[in-house]
Every structure is written in structure tokens, then in C-alpha cells.
ModelCIF file with pLDDT and N, C-alpha, C, O atoms, coordinates in Angstrom:
data_MODEL
#
_entry.id   MODEL 
#
_entity.id                         1 
_entity.type                       polymer 
_entity.pdbx_number_of_molecules   1 
#
_entity_poly.entity_id                      1 
_entity_poly.type                           'polypeptide(L)' 
_entity_poly.nstd_linkage                   no 
_entity_poly.nstd_monomer                   no 
_entity_poly.pdbx_seq_one_letter_code       LLTERERGVARRLRGLTTEGRRPPRAGQAVLVDGQPAGVVTSGNF 
_entity_poly.pdbx_seq_one_letter_code_can   LLTERERGVARRLRGLTTEGRRPPRAGQAVLVDGQPAGVVTSGNF 
_entity_poly.pdbx_strand_id                 A 
#
loop_
_entity_poly_seq.entity_id 
_entity_poly_seq.num 
_entity_poly_seq.mon_id 
_entity_poly_seq.hetero 
1 1  LEU n 
1 2  LEU n 
1 3  THR n 
1 4  GLU n 
1 5  ARG n 
1 6  GLU n 
1 7  ARG n 
1 8  GLY n 
1 9  VAL n 
1 10 ALA n 
1 11 ARG n 
1 12 ARG n 
1 13 LEU n 
1 14 ARG n 
1 15 GLY n 
1 16 LEU n 
1 17 THR n 
1 18 THR n 
1 19 GLU n 
1 20 GLY n 
1 21 ARG n 
1 22 ARG n 
1 23 PRO n 
1 24 PRO n 
1 25 ARG n 
1 26 ALA n 
1 27 GLY n 
1 28 GLN n 
1 29 ALA n 
1 30 VAL n 
1 31 LEU n 
1 32 VAL n 
1 33 ASP n 
1 34 GLY n 
1 35 GLN n 
1 36 PRO n 
1 37 ALA n 
1 38 GLY n 
1 39 VAL n 
1 40 VAL n 
1 41 THR n 
1 42 SER n 
1 43 GLY n 
1 44 ASN n 
1 45 PHE n 
#
_struct_asym.id          A 
_struct_asym.entity_id   1 
#
loop_
_ma_qa_metric.id 
_ma_qa_metric.mode 
_ma_qa_metric.name 
_ma_qa_metric.software_group_id 
_ma_qa_metric.type 
1 global pLDDT . pLDDT 
2 local  pLDDT . pLDDT 
#
_ma_qa_metric_global.metric_id      1 
_ma_qa_metric_global.metric_value   96.56 
_ma_qa_metric_global.model_id       1 
_ma_qa_metric_global.ordinal_id     1 
#
loop_
_ma_qa_metric_local.label_asym_id 
_ma_qa_metric_local.label_comp_id 
_ma_qa_metric_local.label_seq_id 
_ma_qa_metric_local.metric_id 
_ma_qa_metric_local.metric_value 
_ma_qa_metric_local.model_id 
_ma_qa_metric_local.ordinal_id 
A LEU 1  2 96.00 1 1  
A LEU 2  2 96.00 1 2  
A THR 3  2 97.00 1 3  
A GLU 4  2 97.00 1 4  
A ARG 5  2 96.00 1 5  
A GLU 6  2 96.00 1 6  
A ARG 7  2 96.00 1 7  
A GLY 8  2 96.00 1 8  
A VAL 9  2 97.00 1 9  
A ALA 10 2 96.00 1 10 
A ARG 11 2 97.00 1 11 
A ARG 12 2 97.00 1 12 
A LEU 13 2 98.00 1 13 
A ARG 14 2 98.00 1 14 
A GLY 15 2 98.00 1 15 
A LEU 16 2 98.00 1 16 
A THR 17 2 98.00 1 17 
A THR 18 2 97.00 1 18 
A GLU 19 2 95.00 1 19 
A GLY 20 2 91.00 1 20 
A ARG 21 2 91.00 1 21 
A ARG 22 2 91.00 1 22 
A PRO 23 2 94.00 1 23 
A PRO 24 2 97.00 1 24 
A ARG 25 2 97.00 1 25 
A ALA 26 2 97.00 1 26 
A GLY 27 2 97.00 1 27 
A GLN 28 2 98.00 1 28 
A ALA 29 2 98.00 1 29 
A VAL 30 2 98.00 1 30 
A LEU 31 2 98.00 1 31 
A VAL 32 2 97.00 1 32 
A ASP 33 2 96.00 1 33 
A GLY 34 2 95.00 1 34 
A GLN 35 2 97.00 1 35 
A PRO 36 2 97.00 1 36 
A ALA 37 2 98.00 1 37 
A GLY 38 2 97.00 1 38 
A VAL 39 2 97.00 1 39 
A VAL 40 2 98.00 1 40 
A THR 41 2 98.00 1 41 
A SER 42 2 98.00 1 42 
A GLY 43 2 98.00 1 43 
A ASN 44 2 97.00 1 44 
A PHE 45 2 96.00 1 45 
#
loop_
_atom_site.group_PDB 
_atom_site.id 
_atom_site.type_symbol 
_atom_site.label_atom_id 
_atom_site.label_alt_id 
_atom_site.label_comp_id 
_atom_site.label_asym_id 
_atom_site.label_entity_id 
_atom_site.label_seq_id 
_atom_site.pdbx_PDB_ins_code 
_atom_site.Cartn_x 
_atom_site.Cartn_y 
_atom_site.Cartn_z 
_atom_site.occupancy 
_atom_site.B_iso_or_equiv 
_atom_site.pdbx_formal_charge 
_atom_site.auth_seq_id 
_atom_site.auth_comp_id 
_atom_site.auth_asym_id 
_atom_site.auth_atom_id 
_atom_site.pdbx_PDB_model_num 
ATOM 1   N N  . LEU A 1 1  ? 108.795 109.841 71.468  1.00 96.00 ? 1  LEU A N  1 
ATOM 2   C CA . LEU A 1 1  ? 108.532 110.169 72.867  1.00 96.00 ? 1  LEU A CA 1 
ATOM 3   C C  . LEU A 1 1  ? 107.174 109.654 73.322  1.00 96.00 ? 1  LEU A C  1 
ATOM 4   O O  . LEU A 1 1  ? 107.028 109.163 74.441  1.00 96.00 ? 1  LEU A O  1 
ATOM 5   N N  . LEU A 1 2  ? 106.187 109.769 72.446  1.00 96.00 ? 2  LEU A N  1 
ATOM 6   C CA . LEU A 1 2  ? 104.860 109.253 72.798  1.00 96.00 ? 2  LEU A CA 1 
ATOM 7   C C  . LEU A 1 2  ? 104.908 107.748 73.007  1.00 96.00 ? 2  LEU A C  1 
ATOM 8   O O  . LEU A 1 2  ? 104.279 107.220 73.924  1.00 96.00 ? 2  LEU A O  1 
ATOM 9   N N  . THR A 1 3  ? 105.656 107.061 72.154  1.00 97.00 ? 3  THR A N  1 
ATOM 10  C CA . THR A 1 3  ? 105.801 105.610 72.304  1.00 97.00 ? 3  THR A CA 1 
ATOM 11  C C  . THR A 1 3  ? 106.474 105.281 73.629  1.00 97.00 ? 3  THR A C  1 
ATOM 12  O O  . THR A 1 3  ? 106.055 104.364 74.336  1.00 97.00 ? 3  THR A O  1 
ATOM 13  N N  . GLU A 1 4  ? 107.522 106.035 73.961  1.00 97.00 ? 4  GLU A N  1 
ATOM 14  C CA . GLU A 1 4  ? 108.220 105.792 75.223  1.00 97.00 ? 4  GLU A CA 1 
ATOM 15  C C  . GLU A 1 4  ? 107.319 106.096 76.411  1.00 97.00 ? 4  GLU A C  1 
ATOM 16  O O  . GLU A 1 4  ? 107.355 105.383 77.414  1.00 97.00 ? 4  GLU A O  1 
ATOM 17  N N  . ARG A 1 5  ? 106.515 107.143 76.307  1.00 96.00 ? 5  ARG A N  1 
ATOM 18  C CA . ARG A 1 5  ? 105.618 107.492 77.409  1.00 96.00 ? 5  ARG A CA 1 
ATOM 19  C C  . ARG A 1 5  ? 104.577 106.409 77.634  1.00 96.00 ? 5  ARG A C  1 
ATOM 20  O O  . ARG A 1 5  ? 104.240 106.094 78.776  1.00 96.00 ? 5  ARG A O  1 
ATOM 21  N N  . GLU A 1 6  ? 104.071 105.840 76.555  1.00 96.00 ? 6  GLU A N  1 
ATOM 22  C CA . GLU A 1 6  ? 103.064 104.786 76.675  1.00 96.00 ? 6  GLU A CA 1 
ATOM 23  C C  . GLU A 1 6  ? 103.683 103.474 77.167  1.00 96.00 ? 6  GLU A C  1 
ATOM 24  O O  . GLU A 1 6  ? 103.081 102.757 77.967  1.00 96.00 ? 6  GLU A O  1 
ATOM 25  N N  . ARG A 1 7  ? 104.881 103.172 76.684  1.00 96.00 ? 7  ARG A N  1 
ATOM 26  C CA . ARG A 1 7  ? 105.551 101.918 77.046  1.00 96.00 ? 7  ARG A CA 1 
ATOM 27  C C  . ARG A 1 7  ? 106.167 101.983 78.436  1.00 96.00 ? 7  ARG A C  1 
ATOM 28  O O  . ARG A 1 7  ? 106.225 100.987 79.156  1.00 96.00 ? 7  ARG A O  1 
ATOM 29  N N  . GLY A 1 8  ? 106.631 103.187 78.799  1.00 96.00 ? 8  GLY A N  1 
ATOM 30  C CA . GLY A 1 8  ? 107.360 103.345 80.052  1.00 96.00 ? 8  GLY A CA 1 
ATOM 31  C C  . GLY A 1 8  ? 108.852 103.407 79.788  1.00 96.00 ? 8  GLY A C  1 
ATOM 32  O O  . GLY A 1 8  ? 109.363 102.705 78.915  1.00 96.00 ? 8  GLY A O  1 
ATOM 33  N N  . VAL A 1 9  ? 109.552 104.243 80.538  1.00 97.00 ? 9  VAL A N  1 
ATOM 34  C CA . VAL A 1 9  ? 110.989 104.421 80.308  1.00 97.00 ? 9  VAL A CA 1 
ATOM 35  C C  . VAL A 1 9  ? 111.771 103.205 80.817  1.00 97.00 ? 9  VAL A C  1 
ATOM 36  O O  . VAL A 1 9  ? 111.356 102.514 81.748  1.00 97.00 ? 9  VAL A O  1 
ATOM 37  N N  . ALA A 1 10 ? 112.907 102.975 80.176  1.00 96.00 ? 10 ALA A N  1 
ATOM 38  C CA . ALA A 1 10 ? 113.774 101.871 80.578  1.00 96.00 ? 10 ALA A CA 1 
ATOM 39  C C  . ALA A 1 10 ? 114.720 102.267 81.705  1.00 96.00 ? 10 ALA A C  1 
ATOM 40  O O  . ALA A 1 10 ? 115.293 101.407 82.373  1.00 96.00 ? 10 ALA A O  1 
ATOM 41  N N  . ARG A 1 11 ? 114.879 103.563 81.911  1.00 97.00 ? 11 ARG A N  1 
ATOM 42  C CA . ARG A 1 11 ? 115.722 104.068 82.985  1.00 97.00 ? 11 ARG A CA 1 
ATOM 43  C C  . ARG A 1 11 ? 115.227 105.451 83.386  1.00 97.00 ? 11 ARG A C  1 
ATOM 44  O O  . ARG A 1 11 ? 114.544 106.131 82.620  1.00 97.00 ? 11 ARG A O  1 
ATOM 45  N N  . ARG A 1 12 ? 115.583 105.848 84.594  1.00 97.00 ? 12 ARG A N  1 
ATOM 46  C CA . ARG A 1 12 ? 115.098 107.129 85.098  1.00 97.00 ? 12 ARG A CA 1 
ATOM 47  C C  . ARG A 1 12 ? 116.193 107.789 85.936  1.00 97.00 ? 12 ARG A C  1 
ATOM 48  O O  . ARG A 1 12 ? 116.917 107.118 86.672  1.00 97.00 ? 12 ARG A O  1 
ATOM 49  N N  . LEU A 1 13 ? 116.301 109.100 85.813  1.00 98.00 ? 13 LEU A N  1 
ATOM 50  C CA . LEU A 1 13 ? 117.308 109.833 86.570  1.00 98.00 ? 13 LEU A CA 1 
ATOM 51  C C  . LEU A 1 13 ? 116.904 109.927 88.034  1.00 98.00 ? 13 LEU A C  1 
ATOM 52  O O  . LEU A 1 13 ? 115.796 110.352 88.360  1.00 98.00 ? 13 LEU A O  1 
ATOM 53  N N  . ARG A 1 14 ? 117.829 109.521 88.920  1.00 98.00 ? 14 ARG A N  1 
ATOM 54  C CA . ARG A 1 14 ? 117.572 109.549 90.364  1.00 98.00 ? 14 ARG A CA 1 
ATOM 55  C C  . ARG A 1 14 ? 118.717 110.264 91.077  1.00 98.00 ? 14 ARG A C  1 
ATOM 56  O O  . ARG A 1 14 ? 119.799 110.438 90.517  1.00 98.00 ? 14 ARG A O  1 
ATOM 57  N N  . GLY A 1 15 ? 118.468 110.671 92.302  1.00 98.00 ? 15 GLY A N  1 
ATOM 58  C CA . GLY A 1 15 ? 119.511 111.213 93.146  1.00 98.00 ? 15 GLY A CA 1 
ATOM 59  C C  . GLY A 1 15 ? 120.047 110.146 94.075  1.00 98.00 ? 15 GLY A C  1 
ATOM 60  O O  . GLY A 1 15 ? 119.324 109.224 94.451  1.00 98.00 ? 15 GLY A O  1 
ATOM 61  N N  . LEU A 1 16 ? 121.311 110.265 94.448  1.00 98.00 ? 16 LEU A N  1 
ATOM 62  C CA . LEU A 1 16 ? 121.940 109.334 95.387  1.00 98.00 ? 16 LEU A CA 1 
ATOM 63  C C  . LEU A 1 16 ? 122.687 110.135 96.452  1.00 98.00 ? 16 LEU A C  1 
ATOM 64  O O  . LEU A 1 16 ? 123.301 111.158 96.149  1.00 98.00 ? 16 LEU A O  1 
ATOM 65  N N  . THR A 1 17 ? 122.634 109.675 97.674  1.00 98.00 ? 17 THR A N  1 
ATOM 66  C CA . THR A 1 17 ? 123.441 110.255 98.743  1.00 98.00 ? 17 THR A CA 1 
ATOM 67  C C  . THR A 1 17 ? 124.291 109.166 99.379  1.00 98.00 ? 17 THR A C  1 
ATOM 68  O O  . THR A 1 17 ? 123.857 108.023 99.524  1.00 98.00 ? 17 THR A O  1 
ATOM 69  N N  . THR A 1 18 ? 125.503 109.536 99.752  1.00 97.00 ? 18 THR A N  1 
ATOM 70  C CA . THR A 1 18 ? 126.396 108.613 100.433 1.00 97.00 ? 18 THR A CA 1 
ATOM 71  C C  . THR A 1 18 ? 126.846 109.221 101.752 1.00 97.00 ? 18 THR A C  1 
ATOM 72  O O  . THR A 1 18 ? 126.699 110.424 101.971 1.00 97.00 ? 18 THR A O  1 
ATOM 73  N N  . GLU A 1 19 ? 127.385 108.403 102.613 1.00 95.00 ? 19 GLU A N  1 
ATOM 74  C CA . GLU A 1 19 ? 127.914 108.913 103.875 1.00 95.00 ? 19 GLU A CA 1 
ATOM 75  C C  . GLU A 1 19 ? 129.404 109.215 103.717 1.00 95.00 ? 19 GLU A C  1 
ATOM 76  O O  . GLU A 1 19 ? 130.099 108.599 102.909 1.00 95.00 ? 19 GLU A O  1 
ATOM 77  N N  . GLY A 1 20 ? 129.869 110.167 104.500 1.00 91.00 ? 20 GLY A N  1 
ATOM 78  C CA . GLY A 1 20 ? 131.293 110.481 104.483 1.00 91.00 ? 20 GLY A CA 1 
ATOM 79  C C  . GLY A 1 20 ? 131.680 111.418 103.358 1.00 91.00 ? 20 GLY A C  1 
ATOM 80  O O  . GLY A 1 20 ? 130.841 111.846 102.566 1.00 91.00 ? 20 GLY A O  1 
ATOM 81  N N  . ARG A 1 21 ? 132.967 111.730 103.301 1.00 91.00 ? 21 ARG A N  1 
ATOM 82  C CA . ARG A 1 21 ? 133.475 112.731 102.366 1.00 91.00 ? 21 ARG A CA 1 
ATOM 83  C C  . ARG A 1 21 ? 133.909 112.151 101.019 1.00 91.00 ? 21 ARG A C  1 
ATOM 84  O O  . ARG A 1 21 ? 134.238 112.901 100.100 1.00 91.00 ? 21 ARG A O  1 
ATOM 85  N N  . ARG A 1 22 ? 133.911 110.853 100.899 1.00 91.00 ? 22 ARG A N  1 
ATOM 86  C CA . ARG A 1 22 ? 134.366 110.231 99.646  1.00 91.00 ? 22 ARG A CA 1 
ATOM 87  C C  . ARG A 1 22 ? 133.331 110.484 98.549  1.00 91.00 ? 22 ARG A C  1 
ATOM 88  O O  . ARG A 1 22 ? 132.207 109.990 98.651  1.00 91.00 ? 22 ARG A O  1 
ATOM 89  N N  . PRO A 1 23 ? 133.677 111.237 97.502  1.00 94.00 ? 23 PRO A N  1 
ATOM 90  C CA . PRO A 1 23 ? 132.659 111.634 96.525  1.00 94.00 ? 23 PRO A CA 1 
ATOM 91  C C  . PRO A 1 23 ? 132.433 110.592 95.437  1.00 94.00 ? 23 PRO A C  1 
ATOM 92  O O  . PRO A 1 23 ? 133.393 109.994 94.950  1.00 94.00 ? 23 PRO A O  1 
ATOM 93  N N  . PRO A 1 24 ? 131.189 110.365 95.049  1.00 97.00 ? 24 PRO A N  1 
ATOM 94  C CA . PRO A 1 24 ? 130.925 109.581 93.845  1.00 97.00 ? 24 PRO A CA 1 
ATOM 95  C C  . PRO A 1 24 ? 131.395 110.376 92.630  1.00 97.00 ? 24 PRO A C  1 
ATOM 96  O O  . PRO A 1 24 ? 131.495 111.602 92.682  1.00 97.00 ? 24 PRO A O  1 
ATOM 97  N N  . ARG A 1 25 ? 131.684 109.670 91.534  1.00 97.00 ? 25 ARG A N  1 
ATOM 98  C CA . ARG A 1 25 ? 132.144 110.326 90.324  1.00 97.00 ? 25 ARG A CA 1 
ATOM 99  C C  . ARG A 1 25 ? 131.392 109.791 89.106  1.00 97.00 ? 25 ARG A C  1 
ATOM 100 O O  . ARG A 1 25 ? 130.935 108.648 89.091  1.00 97.00 ? 25 ARG A O  1 
ATOM 101 N N  . ALA A 1 26 ? 131.273 110.649 88.080  1.00 97.00 ? 26 ALA A N  1 
ATOM 102 C CA . ALA A 1 26 ? 130.607 110.250 86.842  1.00 97.00 ? 26 ALA A CA 1 
ATOM 103 C C  . ALA A 1 26 ? 131.273 109.022 86.236  1.00 97.00 ? 26 ALA A C  1 
ATOM 104 O O  . ALA A 1 26 ? 132.499 108.915 86.211  1.00 97.00 ? 26 ALA A O  1 
ATOM 105 N N  . GLY A 1 27 ? 130.458 108.107 85.753  1.00 97.00 ? 27 GLY A N  1 
ATOM 106 C CA . GLY A 1 27 ? 130.959 106.897 85.112  1.00 97.00 ? 27 GLY A CA 1 
ATOM 107 C C  . GLY A 1 27 ? 131.014 105.695 86.023  1.00 97.00 ? 27 GLY A C  1 
ATOM 108 O O  . GLY A 1 27 ? 131.184 104.573 85.547  1.00 97.00 ? 27 GLY A O  1 
ATOM 109 N N  . GLN A 1 28 ? 130.874 105.898 87.337  1.00 98.00 ? 28 GLN A N  1 
ATOM 110 C CA . GLN A 1 28 ? 130.921 104.767 88.264  1.00 98.00 ? 28 GLN A CA 1 
ATOM 111 C C  . GLN A 1 28 ? 129.599 103.986 88.222  1.00 98.00 ? 28 GLN A C  1 
ATOM 112 O O  . GLN A 1 28 ? 128.524 104.571 88.093  1.00 98.00 ? 28 GLN A O  1 
ATOM 113 N N  . ALA A 1 29 ? 129.700 102.687 88.331  1.00 98.00 ? 29 ALA A N  1 
ATOM 114 C CA . ALA A 1 29 ? 128.519 101.828 88.267  1.00 98.00 ? 29 ALA A CA 1 
ATOM 115 C C  . ALA A 1 29 ? 127.722 101.910 89.561  1.00 98.00 ? 29 ALA A C  1 
ATOM 116 O O  . ALA A 1 29 ? 128.285 102.037 90.648  1.00 98.00 ? 29 ALA A O  1 
ATOM 117 N N  . VAL A 1 30 ? 126.409 101.836 89.425  1.00 98.00 ? 30 VAL A N  1 
ATOM 118 C CA . VAL A 1 30 ? 125.512 101.745 90.569  1.00 98.00 ? 30 VAL A CA 1 
ATOM 119 C C  . VAL A 1 30 ? 125.041 100.295 90.673  1.00 98.00 ? 30 VAL A C  1 
ATOM 120 O O  . VAL A 1 30 ? 124.547 99.716  89.705  1.00 98.00 ? 30 VAL A O  1 
ATOM 121 N N  . LEU A 1 31 ? 125.200 99.728  91.849  1.00 98.00 ? 31 LEU A N  1 
ATOM 122 C CA . LEU A 1 31 ? 124.871 98.323  92.078  1.00 98.00 ? 31 LEU A CA 1 
ATOM 123 C C  . LEU A 1 31 ? 123.532 98.208  92.803  1.00 98.00 ? 31 LEU A C  1 
ATOM 124 O O  . LEU A 1 31 ? 123.299 98.859  93.822  1.00 98.00 ? 31 LEU A O  1 
ATOM 125 N N  . VAL A 1 32 ? 122.665 97.370  92.257  1.00 97.00 ? 32 VAL A N  1 
ATOM 126 C CA . VAL A 1 32 ? 121.398 97.044  92.901  1.00 97.00 ? 32 VAL A CA 1 
ATOM 127 C C  . VAL A 1 32 ? 121.430 95.556  93.213  1.00 97.00 ? 32 VAL A C  1 
ATOM 128 O O  . VAL A 1 32 ? 121.559 94.729  92.310  1.00 97.00 ? 32 VAL A O  1 
ATOM 129 N N  . ASP A 1 33 ? 121.313 95.218  94.490  1.00 96.00 ? 33 ASP A N  1 
ATOM 130 C CA . ASP A 1 33 ? 121.443 93.827  94.934  1.00 96.00 ? 33 ASP A CA 1 
ATOM 131 C C  . ASP A 1 33 ? 122.777 93.237  94.483  1.00 96.00 ? 33 ASP A C  1 
ATOM 132 O O  . ASP A 1 33 ? 122.868 92.062  94.127  1.00 96.00 ? 33 ASP A O  1 
ATOM 133 N N  . GLY A 1 34 ? 123.813 94.085  94.508  1.00 95.00 ? 34 GLY A N  1 
ATOM 134 C CA . GLY A 1 34 ? 125.152 93.633  94.193  1.00 95.00 ? 34 GLY A CA 1 
ATOM 135 C C  . GLY A 1 34 ? 125.492 93.556  92.716  1.00 95.00 ? 34 GLY A C  1 
ATOM 136 O O  . GLY A 1 34 ? 126.621 93.218  92.361  1.00 95.00 ? 34 GLY A O  1 
ATOM 137 N N  . GLN A 1 35 ? 124.533 93.864  91.847  1.00 97.00 ? 35 GLN A N  1 
ATOM 138 C CA . GLN A 1 35 ? 124.754 93.761  90.410  1.00 97.00 ? 35 GLN A CA 1 
ATOM 139 C C  . GLN A 1 35 ? 124.677 95.140  89.749  1.00 97.00 ? 35 GLN A C  1 
ATOM 140 O O  . GLN A 1 35 ? 123.842 95.959  90.133  1.00 97.00 ? 35 GLN A O  1 
ATOM 141 N N  . PRO A 1 36 ? 125.544 95.409  88.751  1.00 97.00 ? 36 PRO A N  1 
ATOM 142 C CA . PRO A 1 36 ? 125.488 96.686  88.040  1.00 97.00 ? 36 PRO A CA 1 
ATOM 143 C C  . PRO A 1 36 ? 124.116 96.897  87.416  1.00 97.00 ? 36 PRO A C  1 
ATOM 144 O O  . PRO A 1 36 ? 123.624 96.045  86.676  1.00 97.00 ? 36 PRO A O  1 
ATOM 145 N N  . ALA A 1 37 ? 123.507 98.031  87.717  1.00 98.00 ? 37 ALA A N  1 
ATOM 146 C CA . ALA A 1 37 ? 122.165 98.311  87.206  1.00 98.00 ? 37 ALA A CA 1 
ATOM 147 C C  . ALA A 1 37 ? 122.022 99.724  86.664  1.00 98.00 ? 37 ALA A C  1 
ATOM 148 O O  . ALA A 1 37 ? 120.994 100.057 86.072  1.00 98.00 ? 37 ALA A O  1 
ATOM 149 N N  . GLY A 1 38 ? 123.032 100.556 86.856  1.00 97.00 ? 38 GLY A N  1 
ATOM 150 C CA . GLY A 1 38 ? 122.965 101.932 86.391  1.00 97.00 ? 38 GLY A CA 1 
ATOM 151 C C  . GLY A 1 38 ? 124.335 102.558 86.442  1.00 97.00 ? 38 GLY A C  1 
ATOM 152 O O  . GLY A 1 38 ? 125.329 101.888 86.726  1.00 97.00 ? 38 GLY A O  1 
ATOM 153 N N  . VAL A 1 39 ? 124.385 103.849 86.165  1.00 97.00 ? 39 VAL A N  1 
ATOM 154 C CA . VAL A 1 39 ? 125.671 104.543 86.128  1.00 97.00 ? 39 VAL A CA 1 
ATOM 155 C C  . VAL A 1 39 ? 125.502 105.962 86.660  1.00 97.00 ? 39 VAL A C  1 
ATOM 156 O O  . VAL A 1 39 ? 124.495 106.622 86.401  1.00 97.00 ? 39 VAL A O  1 
ATOM 157 N N  . VAL A 1 40 ? 126.500 106.418 87.406  1.00 98.00 ? 40 VAL A N  1 
ATOM 158 C CA . VAL A 1 40 ? 126.519 107.793 87.902  1.00 98.00 ? 40 VAL A CA 1 
ATOM 159 C C  . VAL A 1 40 ? 126.808 108.729 86.737  1.00 98.00 ? 40 VAL A C  1 
ATOM 160 O O  . VAL A 1 40 ? 127.739 108.499 85.966  1.00 98.00 ? 40 VAL A O  1 
ATOM 161 N N  . THR A 1 41 ? 126.010 109.781 86.612  1.00 98.00 ? 41 THR A N  1 
ATOM 162 C CA . THR A 1 41 ? 126.231 110.770 85.559  1.00 98.00 ? 41 THR A CA 1 
ATOM 163 C C  . THR A 1 41 ? 126.950 112.002 86.098  1.00 98.00 ? 41 THR A C  1 
ATOM 164 O O  . THR A 1 41 ? 127.717 112.629 85.367  1.00 98.00 ? 41 THR A O  1 
ATOM 165 N N  . SER A 1 42 ? 126.722 112.358 87.349  1.00 98.00 ? 42 SER A N  1 
ATOM 166 C CA . SER A 1 42 ? 127.418 113.466 88.019  1.00 98.00 ? 42 SER A CA 1 
ATOM 167 C C  . SER A 1 42 ? 127.551 113.110 89.490  1.00 98.00 ? 42 SER A C  1 
ATOM 168 O O  . SER A 1 42 ? 126.620 112.570 90.088  1.00 98.00 ? 42 SER A O  1 
ATOM 169 N N  . GLY A 1 43 ? 128.696 113.407 90.073  1.00 98.00 ? 43 GLY A N  1 
ATOM 170 C CA . GLY A 1 43 ? 128.885 113.131 91.493  1.00 98.00 ? 43 GLY A CA 1 
ATOM 171 C C  . GLY A 1 43 ? 129.926 114.054 92.080  1.00 98.00 ? 43 GLY A C  1 
ATOM 172 O O  . GLY A 1 43 ? 130.852 114.487 91.394  1.00 98.00 ? 43 GLY A O  1 
ATOM 173 N N  . ASN A 1 44 ? 129.764 114.352 93.364  1.00 97.00 ? 44 ASN A N  1 
ATOM 174 C CA . ASN A 1 44 ? 130.715 115.225 94.027  1.00 97.00 ? 44 ASN A CA 1 
ATOM 175 C C  . ASN A 1 44 ? 130.467 115.191 95.523  1.00 97.00 ? 44 ASN A C  1 
ATOM 176 O O  . ASN A 1 44 ? 129.498 114.597 95.997  1.00 97.00 ? 44 ASN A O  1 
ATOM 177 N N  . PHE A 1 45 ? 131.359 115.838 96.257  1.00 96.00 ? 45 PHE A N  1 
ATOM 178 C CA . PHE A 1 45 ? 131.157 116.071 97.678  1.00 96.00 ? 45 PHE A CA 1 
ATOM 179 C C  . PHE A 1 45 ? 130.340 117.347 97.835  1.00 96.00 ? 45 PHE A C  1 
ATOM 180 O O  . PHE A 1 45 ? 130.039 117.753 98.957  1.00 96.00 ? 45 PHE A O  1 
#
């Protein structure tokens, strides 16, 4: 953990909001500039 803290994390947990009632779901890819860059861990309406 100390090594990771000094080096910096490779990923970080963030929140996402979407418009409308269509819920995100765990396992769906998150696209940054059109390219897969992360994954949803929990999602719902």
C-alpha cells in the first residue's frame, strides 16, 4: 500500500450519472474519448 501511495493508483473509484431512466449495470464498460477505459462496478436507477 505504501508503494502504491507513493507511485499513485492506476485506477480510482468514481461516481457516474446518466440522464433518463435507463440504468447502468455492473460489468458495463466506461468509454473515455470513445475507448474502453474502466468498468461499472454498481449501477441502478
